[in-house]
Amino acid sequence: MRAPHLLLGQAGEHLAIEYLQKKGYRIEAQNVRLGKGEIDLIAWEHPRLLVFIEVKTRRTGHFGGPEEAVTVRKQKRIARTAGLYMEQIGYEWAVRFDVIAIVWEKNKTPQLQHFEDAFFWM
């Protein structure tokens, strides 16, 4: 049996996928592990913009928004992993790093916020 926080994270990723698809994104991959990092979602917003998306889901927003958990250290790890992924697929065009923050309180409708271009690394 999976731990409750893992199930919540998985449910949050599914909600994020539905949201992105409704906005016209094409999901390329989910939970990509390369090197020491992982990227939750990789999607094409359009044919020449690859978007790397970190999804953070929490039961409450009382201790700050889920997006605050995407620290500079986490951003660097995502950027390194994105670089490895781009090398793997031979992609050299535009990229963007987004964060989707979800607060999903028990017995309430989840609240989703999409932070486009949340951080940038060269």
Protein backbone atom coordinates (compact mmCIF):
# COMPACT_ATOMS: atom_id res chain seq x y z
CA MET A 1 0.00 0.00 0.00
CA ARG A 2 1.28 3.44 -0.92
CA ALA A 3 1.76 6.14 1.69
CA PRO A 4 -1.01 8.78 1.78
CA HIS A 5 1.33 11.60 0.73
CA LEU A 6 2.40 9.58 -2.34
CA LEU A 7 -1.22 8.97 -3.28
CA LEU A 8 -1.95 12.69 -2.87
CA GLY A 9 1.01 13.56 -5.11
CA GLN A 10 -0.11 11.06 -7.75
CA ALA A 11 -3.67 12.45 -7.68
CA GLY A 12 -2.26 15.97 -8.00
CA GLU A 13 -0.25 14.98 -11.07
CA HIS A 14 -3.34 13.49 -12.70
CA LEU A 15 -5.27 16.70 -11.99
CA ALA A 16 -2.39 18.75 -13.44
CA ILE A 17 -2.38 16.59 -16.60
CA GLU A 18 -6.13 17.11 -17.10
CA TYR A 19 -5.70 20.86 -16.57
CA LEU A 20 -2.79 21.11 -19.04
CA GLN A 21 -4.55 19.04 -21.69
CA LYS A 22 -7.62 21.30 -21.45
CA LYS A 23 -5.28 24.25 -22.08
CA GLY A 24 -3.98 22.53 -25.22
CA TYR A 25 -0.68 21.15 -23.94
CA ARG A 26 0.50 17.79 -25.27
CA ILE A 27 1.93 15.64 -22.48
CA GLU A 28 5.26 14.16 -23.53
CA ALA A 29 6.28 12.29 -20.37
CA GLN A 30 5.54 11.84 -16.68
CA ASN A 31 7.92 11.13 -13.78
CA VAL A 32 11.09 11.20 -15.85
CA ARG A 33 14.16 10.11 -13.86
CA LEU A 34 17.59 10.94 -15.24
CA GLY A 35 20.80 11.26 -13.26
CA LYS A 36 19.90 12.22 -9.70
CA GLY A 37 16.77 14.12 -10.64
CA GLU A 38 13.15 13.68 -11.58
CA ILE A 39 10.76 15.83 -13.55
CA ASP A 40 7.06 15.39 -12.80
CA LEU A 41 5.69 16.36 -16.20
CA ILE A 42 7.13 17.28 -19.57
CA ALA A 43 4.75 18.81 -22.10
CA TRP A 44 4.70 20.69 -25.37
CA GLU A 45 2.78 23.96 -25.16
CA HIS A 46 3.30 24.27 -28.91
CA PRO A 47 5.66 22.51 -31.34
CA ARG A 48 8.66 24.68 -30.43
CA LEU A 49 8.22 25.15 -26.68
CA LEU A 50 9.03 22.28 -24.33
CA VAL A 51 7.78 22.83 -20.78
CA PHE A 52 9.19 21.11 -17.69
CA ILE A 53 6.60 21.11 -14.92
CA GLU A 54 7.01 20.51 -11.19
CA VAL A 55 3.73 19.59 -9.49
CA LYS A 56 3.38 20.20 -5.75
CA THR A 57 0.26 19.04 -3.97
CA ARG A 58 -0.54 19.70 -0.31
CA ARG A 59 -3.52 19.04 1.96
CA THR A 60 -3.41 22.56 3.33
CA GLY A 61 -2.03 25.96 2.52
CA HIS A 62 -1.63 26.93 6.19
CA PHE A 63 2.16 26.70 6.06
CA GLY A 64 2.59 28.52 2.76
CA GLY A 65 1.68 27.56 -0.77
CA PRO A 66 2.93 24.31 -2.28
CA GLU A 67 4.96 26.33 -4.79
CA GLU A 68 7.21 27.49 -1.94
CA ALA A 69 8.56 23.92 -1.71
CA VAL A 70 10.30 24.42 -5.06
CA THR A 71 13.51 25.72 -3.55
CA VAL A 72 16.54 26.99 -5.47
CA ARG A 73 18.20 23.62 -4.85
CA LYS A 74 15.18 21.82 -6.32
CA GLN A 75 15.17 24.23 -9.29
CA LYS A 76 18.82 23.44 -10.02
CA ARG A 77 18.14 19.70 -9.91
CA ILE A 78 15.17 20.07 -12.27
CA ALA A 79 17.26 22.19 -14.65
CA ARG A 80 20.07 19.60 -14.70
CA THR A 81 17.57 16.82 -15.35
CA ALA A 82 15.92 18.89 -18.09
CA GLY A 83 19.32 19.34 -19.73
CA LEU A 84 19.89 15.58 -19.70
CA TYR A 85 16.44 15.01 -21.19
CA MET A 86 17.05 17.56 -23.94
CA GLU A 87 20.37 15.88 -24.81
CA GLN A 88 18.61 12.52 -24.91
CA ILE A 89 15.99 13.68 -27.40
CA GLY A 90 18.28 16.04 -29.35
CA TYR A 91 16.21 19.16 -28.58
CA GLU A 92 17.87 22.60 -28.63
CA TRP A 93 14.99 25.08 -28.83
CA ALA A 94 12.96 27.05 -26.31
CA VAL A 95 12.11 25.64 -22.90
CA ARG A 96 10.21 26.88 -19.89
CA PHE A 97 10.02 25.76 -16.28
CA ASP A 98 6.57 25.87 -14.69
CA VAL A 99 5.19 24.98 -11.28
CA ILE A 100 1.67 23.74 -10.66
CA ALA A 101 0.63 24.15 -7.04
CA ILE A 102 -2.42 22.30 -5.76
CA VAL A 103 -4.07 22.63 -2.35
CA TRP A 104 -6.43 19.68 -1.95
CA GLU A 105 -8.15 19.87 1.40
CA LYS A 106 -10.22 16.90 2.47
CA ASN A 107 -13.82 17.06 1.20
CA LYS A 108 -13.13 20.24 -0.79
CA THR A 109 -12.56 21.04 -4.44
CA PRO A 110 -8.83 21.19 -5.18
CA GLN A 111 -7.39 24.65 -5.80
CA LEU A 112 -4.85 24.67 -8.64
CA GLN A 113 -2.45 27.50 -9.53
CA HIS A 114 -0.23 27.41 -12.61
CA PHE A 115 2.96 29.45 -12.35
CA GLU A 116 4.33 29.78 -15.87
CA ASP A 117 8.01 30.58 -16.27
CA ALA A 118 8.44 30.05 -12.53
CA PHE A 119 12.23 29.89 -12.75
CA PHE A 120 15.02 29.96 -15.32
CA TRP A 121 18.44 28.34 -15.48
CA MET A 122 21.09 28.53 -18.17
